[in-house]
Protein backbone atom coordinates (compact mmCIF):
# COMPACT_ATOMS: atom_id res chain seq x y z
CA MET A 1 14.51 30.02 -6.22
CA ASN A 2 11.21 28.61 -7.42
CA ALA A 3 7.91 28.90 -5.64
CA ARG A 4 6.80 26.19 -3.26
CA TRP A 5 5.15 23.12 -4.67
CA THR A 6 1.37 23.04 -4.47
CA ILE A 7 -0.60 19.87 -3.79
CA ASN A 8 -2.03 20.07 -7.31
CA GLU A 9 1.45 20.32 -8.84
CA GLU A 10 2.59 17.29 -6.86
CA LYS A 11 -0.47 15.29 -7.95
CA GLN A 12 0.09 16.26 -11.57
CA LEU A 13 3.79 15.37 -11.32
CA ILE A 14 2.93 11.94 -9.92
CA ASN A 15 0.44 11.45 -12.74
CA ASP A 16 2.94 12.55 -15.37
CA ILE A 17 5.61 10.19 -14.02
CA ALA A 18 3.08 7.36 -13.85
CA ASN A 19 2.40 8.02 -17.54
CA SER A 20 6.07 7.37 -18.33
CA LYS A 21 7.10 10.96 -18.96
CA SER A 22 10.75 11.70 -18.26
CA TYR A 23 12.03 14.32 -15.85
CA GLN A 24 13.76 16.04 -18.77
CA GLU A 25 10.52 16.13 -20.72
CA LEU A 26 8.59 17.53 -17.74
CA ALA A 27 11.11 20.13 -16.57
CA PRO A 28 9.83 22.95 -18.82
CA LYS A 29 6.21 22.23 -17.89
CA TYR A 30 6.96 22.78 -14.20
CA ASN A 31 9.58 25.48 -14.78
CA ARG A 32 12.01 23.43 -12.68
CA SER A 33 15.09 21.36 -13.39
CA ALA A 34 14.87 17.65 -14.08
CA ASN A 35 16.85 17.12 -10.87
CA ALA A 36 14.30 19.15 -8.87
CA LEU A 37 11.48 16.96 -10.20
CA GLU A 38 13.32 13.77 -9.32
CA LEU A 39 14.07 15.02 -5.83
CA ARG A 40 10.42 16.00 -5.31
CA ILE A 41 9.22 12.54 -6.32
CA LYS A 42 11.72 10.96 -3.92
CA LYS A 43 10.51 13.24 -1.12
CA ILE A 44 6.87 12.34 -1.80
CA VAL A 45 7.68 8.61 -1.74
CA LEU A 46 9.67 8.97 1.48
CA ILE A 47 6.83 10.84 3.18
CA MET A 48 4.36 8.18 2.06
CA LEU A 49 6.56 5.39 3.43
CA ILE A 50 7.06 7.14 6.76
CA ASN A 51 3.34 7.78 7.11
CA LYS A 52 2.56 4.14 6.24
CA ASP A 53 4.98 2.94 8.93
CA LYS A 54 3.44 5.29 11.50
CA PHE A 55 -0.02 4.02 10.63
CA MET A 56 1.03 0.40 10.92
CA MET A 57 2.71 0.98 14.30
CA THR A 58 -0.35 2.73 15.75
CA ASN A 59 -3.03 0.46 14.32
CA ASN A 60 -3.87 -2.23 16.91
CA LYS A 61 -4.54 -5.01 14.42
CA PHE A 62 -0.88 -4.83 13.37
CA ASN A 63 0.43 -4.94 16.95
CA LYS A 64 -0.03 -8.57 17.94
């Protein structure tokens, strides 16, 4: 089993994906499978969406 992801690794992964690099191309760089990279990106996006929804529900200007 691989080590836990660091914040810096996640930021770099996001940057690499934003620069149109494929999961297969990035797998050796992160010493993880292409599937592991894809799953991590999906987890990051899900967390961001959940946090956005929580913010919108608790921010008074959105609760009219």
